[in-house]
Amino acid sequence: IQMTERFMTTDVLFGYVTNLCLTDYFDMEKLDAAR
């Protein structure tokens, strides 16, 4: 939520286009442990 807050903004309708990618969502320690 904190990571995406700047793209969601406080507006009820409008946000800002993200520059995130899916790898940003992973906890790298958890991912390495799973692998």
ModelCIF file with pLDDT and N, C-alpha, C, O atoms, coordinates in Angstrom:
data_MODEL
#
_entry.id   MODEL 
#
_entity.id                         1 
_entity.type                       polymer 
_entity.pdbx_number_of_molecules   1 
#
_entity_poly.entity_id                      1 
_entity_poly.type                           'polypeptide(L)' 
_entity_poly.nstd_linkage                   no 
_entity_poly.nstd_monomer                   no 
_entity_poly.pdbx_seq_one_letter_code       IQMTERFMTTDVLFGYVTNLCLTDYFDMEKLDAAR 
_entity_poly.pdbx_seq_one_letter_code_can   IQMTERFMTTDVLFGYVTNLCLTDYFDMEKLDAAR 
_entity_poly.pdbx_strand_id                 A 
#
loop_
_entity_poly_seq.entity_id 
_entity_poly_seq.num 
_entity_poly_seq.mon_id 
_entity_poly_seq.hetero 
1 1  ILE n 
1 2  GLN n 
1 3  MET n 
1 4  THR n 
1 5  GLU n 
1 6  ARG n 
1 7  PHE n 
1 8  MET n 
1 9  THR n 
1 10 THR n 
1 11 ASP n 
1 12 VAL n 
1 13 LEU n 
1 14 PHE n 
1 15 GLY n 
1 16 TYR n 
1 17 VAL n 
1 18 THR n 
1 19 ASN n 
1 20 LEU n 
1 21 CYS n 
1 22 LEU n 
1 23 THR n 
1 24 ASP n 
1 25 TYR n 
1 26 PHE n 
1 27 ASP n 
1 28 MET n 
1 29 GLU n 
1 30 LYS n 
1 31 LEU n 
1 32 ASP n 
1 33 ALA n 
1 34 ALA n 
1 35 ARG n 
#
_struct_asym.id          A 
_struct_asym.entity_id   1 
#
loop_
_ma_qa_metric.id 
_ma_qa_metric.mode 
_ma_qa_metric.name 
_ma_qa_metric.software_group_id 
_ma_qa_metric.type 
1 global pLDDT . pLDDT 
2 local  pLDDT . pLDDT 
#
_ma_qa_metric_global.metric_id      1 
_ma_qa_metric_global.metric_value   95.83 
_ma_qa_metric_global.model_id       1 
_ma_qa_metric_global.ordinal_id     1 
#
loop_
_ma_qa_metric_local.label_asym_id 
_ma_qa_metric_local.label_comp_id 
_ma_qa_metric_local.label_seq_id 
_ma_qa_metric_local.metric_id 
_ma_qa_metric_local.metric_value 
_ma_qa_metric_local.model_id 
_ma_qa_metric_local.ordinal_id 
A ILE 1  2 98.00 1 1  
A GLN 2  2 98.00 1 2  
A MET 3  2 98.00 1 3  
A THR 4  2 98.00 1 4  
A GLU 5  2 97.00 1 5  
A ARG 6  2 96.00 1 6  
A PHE 7  2 97.00 1 7  
A MET 8  2 96.00 1 8  
A THR 9  2 93.00 1 9  
A THR 10 2 90.00 1 10 
A ASP 11 2 87.00 1 11 
A VAL 12 2 83.00 1 12 
A LEU 13 2 86.00 1 13 
A PHE 14 2 92.00 1 14 
A GLY 15 2 94.00 1 15 
A TYR 16 2 95.00 1 16 
A VAL 17 2 95.00 1 17 
A THR 18 2 97.00 1 18 
A ASN 19 2 97.00 1 19 
A LEU 20 2 98.00 1 20 
A CYS 21 2 98.00 1 21 
A LEU 22 2 98.00 1 22 
A THR 23 2 98.00 1 23 
A ASP 24 2 98.00 1 24 
A TYR 25 2 98.00 1 25 
A PHE 26 2 98.00 1 26 
A ASP 27 2 98.00 1 27 
A MET 28 2 98.00 1 28 
A GLU 29 2 98.00 1 29 
A LYS 30 2 98.00 1 30 
A LEU 31 2 98.00 1 31 
A ASP 32 2 98.00 1 32 
A ALA 33 2 98.00 1 33 
A ALA 34 2 98.00 1 34 
A ARG 35 2 97.00 1 35 
#
loop_
_atom_site.group_PDB 
_atom_site.id 
_atom_site.type_symbol 
_atom_site.label_atom_id 
_atom_site.label_alt_id 
_atom_site.label_comp_id 
_atom_site.label_asym_id 
_atom_site.label_entity_id 
_atom_site.label_seq_id 
_atom_site.pdbx_PDB_ins_code 
_atom_site.Cartn_x 
_atom_site.Cartn_y 
_atom_site.Cartn_z 
_atom_site.occupancy 
_atom_site.B_iso_or_equiv 
_atom_site.pdbx_formal_charge 
_atom_site.auth_seq_id 
_atom_site.auth_comp_id 
_atom_site.auth_asym_id 
_atom_site.auth_atom_id 
_atom_site.pdbx_PDB_model_num 
ATOM 1   N N  . ILE A 1 1  ? 0.846   -1.205  0.000   1.00 98.00 ? 1  ILE A N  1 
ATOM 2   C CA . ILE A 1 1  ? 0.000   0.000   0.000   1.00 98.00 ? 1  ILE A CA 1 
ATOM 3   C C  . ILE A 1 1  ? 0.872   1.243   0.000   1.00 98.00 ? 1  ILE A C  1 
ATOM 4   O O  . ILE A 1 1  ? 0.612   2.194   -0.737  1.00 98.00 ? 1  ILE A O  1 
ATOM 5   N N  . GLN A 1 2  ? 1.899   1.231   0.824   1.00 98.00 ? 2  GLN A N  1 
ATOM 6   C CA . GLN A 1 2  ? 2.815   2.375   0.874   1.00 98.00 ? 2  GLN A CA 1 
ATOM 7   C C  . GLN A 1 2  ? 3.576   2.529   -0.443  1.00 98.00 ? 2  GLN A C  1 
ATOM 8   O O  . GLN A 1 2  ? 3.813   3.648   -0.897  1.00 98.00 ? 2  GLN A O  1 
ATOM 9   N N  . MET A 1 3  ? 3.955   1.414   -1.050  1.00 98.00 ? 3  MET A N  1 
ATOM 10  C CA . MET A 1 3  ? 4.719   1.446   -2.295  1.00 98.00 ? 3  MET A CA 1 
ATOM 11  C C  . MET A 1 3  ? 3.893   2.009   -3.459  1.00 98.00 ? 3  MET A C  1 
ATOM 12  O O  . MET A 1 3  ? 4.432   2.665   -4.351  1.00 98.00 ? 3  MET A O  1 
ATOM 13  N N  . THR A 1 4  ? 2.591   1.747   -3.441  1.00 98.00 ? 4  THR A N  1 
ATOM 14  C CA . THR A 1 4  ? 1.719   2.181   -4.544  1.00 98.00 ? 4  THR A CA 1 
ATOM 15  C C  . THR A 1 4  ? 0.953   3.462   -4.234  1.00 98.00 ? 4  THR A C  1 
ATOM 16  O O  . THR A 1 4  ? 0.162   3.923   -5.057  1.00 98.00 ? 4  THR A O  1 
ATOM 17  N N  . GLU A 1 5  ? 1.175   4.031   -3.071  1.00 97.00 ? 5  GLU A N  1 
ATOM 18  C CA . GLU A 1 5  ? 0.380   5.185   -2.625  1.00 97.00 ? 5  GLU A CA 1 
ATOM 19  C C  . GLU A 1 5  ? 0.478   6.363   -3.591  1.00 97.00 ? 5  GLU A C  1 
ATOM 20  O O  . GLU A 1 5  ? -0.517  7.046   -3.838  1.00 97.00 ? 5  GLU A O  1 
ATOM 21  N N  . ARG A 1 6  ? 1.669   6.606   -4.140  1.00 96.00 ? 6  ARG A N  1 
ATOM 22  C CA . ARG A 1 6  ? 1.834   7.773   -5.005  1.00 96.00 ? 6  ARG A CA 1 
ATOM 23  C C  . ARG A 1 6  ? 1.104   7.612   -6.341  1.00 96.00 ? 6  ARG A C  1 
ATOM 24  O O  . ARG A 1 6  ? 0.818   8.604   -7.011  1.00 96.00 ? 6  ARG A O  1 
ATOM 25  N N  . PHE A 1 7  ? 0.804   6.380   -6.728  1.00 97.00 ? 7  PHE A N  1 
ATOM 26  C CA . PHE A 1 7  ? 0.053   6.151   -7.970  1.00 97.00 ? 7  PHE A CA 1 
ATOM 27  C C  . PHE A 1 7  ? -1.454  6.153   -7.722  1.00 97.00 ? 7  PHE A C  1 
ATOM 28  O O  . PHE A 1 7  ? -2.237  6.422   -8.632  1.00 97.00 ? 7  PHE A O  1 
ATOM 29  N N  . MET A 1 8  ? -1.851  5.856   -6.504  1.00 96.00 ? 8  MET A N  1 
ATOM 30  C CA . MET A 1 8  ? -3.276  5.841   -6.178  1.00 96.00 ? 8  MET A CA 1 
ATOM 31  C C  . MET A 1 8  ? -3.806  7.239   -5.872  1.00 96.00 ? 8  MET A C  1 
ATOM 32  O O  . MET A 1 8  ? -4.965  7.529   -6.168  1.00 96.00 ? 8  MET A O  1 
ATOM 33  N N  . THR A 1 9  ? -2.988  8.109   -5.287  1.00 93.00 ? 9  THR A N  1 
ATOM 34  C CA . THR A 1 9  ? -3.362  9.472   -4.907  1.00 93.00 ? 9  THR A CA 1 
ATOM 35  C C  . THR A 1 9  ? -4.574  9.440   -3.973  1.00 93.00 ? 9  THR A C  1 
ATOM 36  O O  . THR A 1 9  ? -5.021  8.368   -3.562  1.00 93.00 ? 9  THR A O  1 
ATOM 37  N N  . THR A 1 10 ? -5.090  10.593  -3.649  1.00 90.00 ? 10 THR A N  1 
ATOM 38  C CA . THR A 1 10 ? -6.241  10.678  -2.752  1.00 90.00 ? 10 THR A CA 1 
ATOM 39  C C  . THR A 1 10 ? -7.537  10.919  -3.509  1.00 90.00 ? 10 THR A C  1 
ATOM 40  O O  . THR A 1 10 ? -8.596  11.034  -2.891  1.00 90.00 ? 10 THR A O  1 
ATOM 41  N N  . ASP A 1 11 ? -7.477  10.997  -4.829  1.00 87.00 ? 11 ASP A N  1 
ATOM 42  C CA . ASP A 1 11 ? -8.652  11.281  -5.652  1.00 87.00 ? 11 ASP A CA 1 
ATOM 43  C C  . ASP A 1 11 ? -9.545  10.044  -5.752  1.00 87.00 ? 11 ASP A C  1 
ATOM 44  O O  . ASP A 1 11 ? -9.044  8.919   -5.784  1.00 87.00 ? 11 ASP A O  1 
ATOM 45  N N  . VAL A 1 12 ? -10.861 10.246  -5.800  1.00 83.00 ? 12 VAL A N  1 
ATOM 46  C CA . VAL A 1 12 ? -11.796 9.128   -5.870  1.00 83.00 ? 12 VAL A CA 1 
ATOM 47  C C  . VAL A 1 12 ? -11.753 8.423   -7.222  1.00 83.00 ? 12 VAL A C  1 
ATOM 48  O O  . VAL A 1 12 ? -12.098 7.244   -7.305  1.00 83.00 ? 12 VAL A O  1 
ATOM 49  N N  . LEU A 1 13 ? -11.334 9.118   -8.285  1.00 86.00 ? 13 LEU A N  1 
ATOM 50  C CA . LEU A 1 13 ? -11.346 8.537   -9.627  1.00 86.00 ? 13 LEU A CA 1 
ATOM 51  C C  . LEU A 1 13 ? -9.972  8.409   -10.266 1.00 86.00 ? 13 LEU A C  1 
ATOM 52  O O  . LEU A 1 13 ? -9.693  7.420   -10.944 1.00 86.00 ? 13 LEU A O  1 
ATOM 53  N N  . PHE A 1 14 ? -9.108  9.405   -10.056 1.00 92.00 ? 14 PHE A N  1 
ATOM 54  C CA . PHE A 1 14 ? -7.899  9.515   -10.856 1.00 92.00 ? 14 PHE A CA 1 
ATOM 55  C C  . PHE A 1 14 ? -6.646  9.221   -10.047 1.00 92.00 ? 14 PHE A C  1 
ATOM 56  O O  . PHE A 1 14 ? -6.500  9.658   -8.905  1.00 92.00 ? 14 PHE A O  1 
ATOM 57  N N  . GLY A 1 15 ? -5.740  8.463   -10.673 1.00 94.00 ? 15 GLY A N  1 
ATOM 58  C CA . GLY A 1 15 ? -4.442  8.192   -10.091 1.00 94.00 ? 15 GLY A CA 1 
ATOM 59  C C  . GLY A 1 15 ? -3.354  8.664   -11.030 1.00 94.00 ? 15 GLY A C  1 
ATOM 60  O O  . GLY A 1 15 ? -3.558  9.581   -11.826 1.00 94.00 ? 15 GLY A O  1 
ATOM 61  N N  . TYR A 1 16 ? -2.192  8.029   -10.934 1.00 95.00 ? 16 TYR A N  1 
ATOM 62  C CA . TYR A 1 16 ? -1.052  8.359   -11.790 1.00 95.00 ? 16 TYR A CA 1 
ATOM 63  C C  . TYR A 1 16 ? -0.462  7.050   -12.289 1.00 95.00 ? 16 TYR A C  1 
ATOM 64  O O  . TYR A 1 16 ? -0.339  6.093   -11.524 1.00 95.00 ? 16 TYR A O  1 
ATOM 65  N N  . VAL A 1 17 ? -0.097  6.999   -13.563 1.00 95.00 ? 17 VAL A N  1 
ATOM 66  C CA . VAL A 1 17 ? 0.362   5.753   -14.176 1.00 95.00 ? 17 VAL A CA 1 
ATOM 67  C C  . VAL A 1 17 ? 1.618   5.228   -13.473 1.00 95.00 ? 17 VAL A C  1 
ATOM 68  O O  . VAL A 1 17 ? 2.600   5.951   -13.307 1.00 95.00 ? 17 VAL A O  1 
ATOM 69  N N  . THR A 1 18 ? 1.567   3.987   -13.073 1.00 97.00 ? 18 THR A N  1 
ATOM 70  C CA . THR A 1 18 ? 2.651   3.373   -12.313 1.00 97.00 ? 18 THR A CA 1 
ATOM 71  C C  . THR A 1 18 ? 3.912   3.177   -13.156 1.00 97.00 ? 18 THR A C  1 
ATOM 72  O O  . THR A 1 18 ? 3.851   3.063   -14.380 1.00 97.00 ? 18 THR A O  1 
ATOM 73  N N  . ASN A 1 19 ? 5.056   3.140   -12.468 1.00 97.00 ? 19 ASN A N  1 
ATOM 74  C CA . ASN A 1 19 ? 6.290   2.699   -13.125 1.00 97.00 ? 19 ASN A CA 1 
ATOM 75  C C  . ASN A 1 19 ? 6.842   1.451   -12.440 1.00 97.00 ? 19 ASN A C  1 
ATOM 76  O O  . ASN A 1 19 ? 8.003   1.089   -12.631 1.00 97.00 ? 19 ASN A O  1 
ATOM 77  N N  . LEU A 1 20 ? 5.999   0.799   -11.639 1.00 98.00 ? 20 LEU A N  1 
ATOM 78  C CA . LEU A 1 20 ? 6.409   -0.412  -10.949 1.00 98.00 ? 20 LEU A CA 1 
ATOM 79  C C  . LEU A 1 20 ? 6.355   -1.609  -11.884 1.00 98.00 ? 20 LEU A C  1 
ATOM 80  O O  . LEU A 1 20 ? 5.685   -1.566  -12.917 1.00 98.00 ? 20 LEU A O  1 
ATOM 81  N N  . CYS A 1 21 ? 7.049   -2.663  -11.529 1.00 98.00 ? 21 CYS A N  1 
ATOM 82  C CA . CYS A 1 21 ? 6.946   -3.940  -12.237 1.00 98.00 ? 21 CYS A CA 1 
ATOM 83  C C  . CYS A 1 21 ? 6.694   -5.032  -11.200 1.00 98.00 ? 21 CYS A C  1 
ATOM 84  O O  . CYS A 1 21 ? 6.793   -4.789  -9.998  1.00 98.00 ? 21 CYS A O  1 
ATOM 85  N N  . LEU A 1 22 ? 6.372   -6.225  -11.670 1.00 98.00 ? 22 LEU A N  1 
ATOM 86  C CA . LEU A 1 22 ? 5.939   -7.275  -10.754 1.00 98.00 ? 22 LEU A CA 1 
ATOM 87  C C  . LEU A 1 22 ? 7.029   -7.674  -9.765  1.00 98.00 ? 22 LEU A C  1 
ATOM 88  O O  . LEU A 1 22 ? 6.727   -8.028  -8.625  1.00 98.00 ? 22 LEU A O  1 
ATOM 89  N N  . THR A 1 23 ? 8.278   -7.623  -10.182 1.00 98.00 ? 23 THR A N  1 
ATOM 90  C CA . THR A 1 23 ? 9.353   -8.001  -9.258  1.00 98.00 ? 23 THR A CA 1 
ATOM 91  C C  . THR A 1 23 ? 9.406   -7.088  -8.037  1.00 98.00 ? 23 THR A C  1 
ATOM 92  O O  . THR A 1 23 ? 9.906   -7.494  -6.988  1.00 98.00 ? 23 THR A O  1 
ATOM 93  N N  . ASP A 1 24 ? 8.898   -5.860  -8.156  1.00 98.00 ? 24 ASP A N  1 
ATOM 94  C CA . ASP A 1 24 ? 8.868   -4.945  -7.018  1.00 98.00 ? 24 ASP A CA 1 
ATOM 95  C C  . ASP A 1 24 ? 7.959   -5.452  -5.904  1.00 98.00 ? 24 ASP A C  1 
ATOM 96  O O  . ASP A 1 24 ? 8.091   -5.029  -4.756  1.00 98.00 ? 24 ASP A O  1 
ATOM 97  N N  . TYR A 1 25 ? 7.038   -6.355  -6.232  1.00 98.00 ? 25 TYR A N  1 
ATOM 98  C CA . TYR A 1 25 ? 6.080   -6.861  -5.243  1.00 98.00 ? 25 TYR A CA 1 
ATOM 99  C C  . TYR A 1 25 ? 6.666   -7.963  -4.368  1.00 98.00 ? 25 TYR A C  1 
ATOM 100 O O  . TYR A 1 25 ? 6.134   -8.249  -3.296  1.00 98.00 ? 25 TYR A O  1 
ATOM 101 N N  . PHE A 1 26 ? 7.755   -8.582  -4.815  1.00 98.00 ? 26 PHE A N  1 
ATOM 102 C CA . PHE A 1 26 ? 8.280   -9.740  -4.086  1.00 98.00 ? 26 PHE A CA 1 
ATOM 103 C C  . PHE A 1 26 ? 9.183   -9.326  -2.936  1.00 98.00 ? 26 PHE A C  1 
ATOM 104 O O  . PHE A 1 26 ? 9.952   -8.371  -3.037  1.00 98.00 ? 26 PHE A O  1 
ATOM 105 N N  . ASP A 1 27 ? 9.072   -10.067 -1.841  1.00 98.00 ? 27 ASP A N  1 
ATOM 106 C CA . ASP A 1 27 ? 10.045  -10.026 -0.759  1.00 98.00 ? 27 ASP A CA 1 
ATOM 107 C C  . ASP A 1 27 ? 11.178  -10.964 -1.187  1.00 98.00 ? 27 ASP A C  1 
ATOM 108 O O  . ASP A 1 27 ? 10.983  -12.178 -1.255  1.00 98.00 ? 27 ASP A O  1 
ATOM 109 N N  . MET A 1 28 ? 12.335  -10.421 -1.470  1.00 98.00 ? 28 MET A N  1 
ATOM 110 C CA . MET A 1 28 ? 13.408  -11.206 -2.076  1.00 98.00 ? 28 MET A CA 1 
ATOM 111 C C  . MET A 1 28 ? 13.896  -12.338 -1.175  1.00 98.00 ? 28 MET A C  1 
ATOM 112 O O  . MET A 1 28 ? 14.314  -13.384 -1.673  1.00 98.00 ? 28 MET A O  1 
ATOM 113 N N  . GLU A 1 29 ? 13.850  -12.146 0.122   1.00 98.00 ? 29 GLU A N  1 
ATOM 114 C CA . GLU A 1 29 ? 14.249  -13.234 1.016   1.00 98.00 ? 29 GLU A CA 1 
ATOM 115 C C  . GLU A 1 29 ? 13.261  -14.395 0.917   1.00 98.00 ? 29 GLU A C  1 
ATOM 116 O O  . GLU A 1 29 ? 13.668  -15.556 0.868   1.00 98.00 ? 29 GLU A O  1 
ATOM 117 N N  . LYS A 1 30 ? 11.957  -14.083 0.888   1.00 98.00 ? 30 LYS A N  1 
ATOM 118 C CA . LYS A 1 30 ? 10.945  -15.136 0.747   1.00 98.00 ? 30 LYS A CA 1 
ATOM 119 C C  . LYS A 1 30 ? 11.077  -15.833 -0.615  1.00 98.00 ? 30 LYS A C  1 
ATOM 120 O O  . LYS A 1 30 ? 10.957  -17.054 -0.713  1.00 98.00 ? 30 LYS A O  1 
ATOM 121 N N  . LEU A 1 31 ? 11.326  -15.036 -1.660  1.00 98.00 ? 31 LEU A N  1 
ATOM 122 C CA . LEU A 1 31 ? 11.457  -15.610 -3.003  1.00 98.00 ? 31 LEU A CA 1 
ATOM 123 C C  . LEU A 1 31 ? 12.658  -16.546 -3.076  1.00 98.00 ? 31 LEU A C  1 
ATOM 124 O O  . LEU A 1 31 ? 12.554  -17.646 -3.619  1.00 98.00 ? 31 LEU A O  1 
ATOM 125 N N  . ASP A 1 32 ? 13.788  -16.122 -2.539  1.00 98.00 ? 32 ASP A N  1 
ATOM 126 C CA . ASP A 1 32 ? 14.984  -16.969 -2.559  1.00 98.00 ? 32 ASP A CA 1 
ATOM 127 C C  . ASP A 1 32 ? 14.755  -18.258 -1.768  1.00 98.00 ? 32 ASP A C  1 
ATOM 128 O O  . ASP A 1 32 ? 15.194  -19.333 -2.176  1.00 98.00 ? 32 ASP A O  1 
ATOM 129 N N  . ALA A 1 33 ? 14.069  -18.136 -0.641  1.00 98.00 ? 33 ALA A N  1 
ATOM 130 C CA . ALA A 1 33 ? 13.799  -19.322 0.183   1.00 98.00 ? 33 ALA A CA 1 
ATOM 131 C C  . ALA A 1 33 ? 12.884  -20.300 -0.557  1.00 98.00 ? 33 ALA A C  1 
ATOM 132 O O  . ALA A 1 33 ? 13.069  -21.514 -0.475  1.00 98.00 ? 33 ALA A O  1 
ATOM 133 N N  . ALA A 1 34 ? 11.891  -19.760 -1.281  1.00 98.00 ? 34 ALA A N  1 
ATOM 134 C CA . ALA A 1 34 ? 10.977  -20.621 -2.032  1.00 98.00 ? 34 ALA A CA 1 
ATOM 135 C C  . ALA A 1 34 ? 11.715  -21.344 -3.159  1.00 98.00 ? 34 ALA A C  1 
ATOM 136 O O  . ALA A 1 34 ? 11.490  -22.530 -3.398  1.00 98.00 ? 34 ALA A O  1 
ATOM 137 N N  . ARG A 1 35 ? 12.589  -20.626 -3.841  1.00 97.00 ? 35 ARG A N  1 
ATOM 138 C CA . ARG A 1 35 ? 13.361  -21.259 -4.920  1.00 97.00 ? 35 ARG A CA 1 
ATOM 139 C C  . ARG A 1 35 ? 14.269  -22.361 -4.377  1.00 97.00 ? 35 ARG A C  1 
ATOM 140 O O  . ARG A 1 35 ? 14.991  -23.000 -5.143  1.00 97.00 ? 35 ARG A O  1 
#
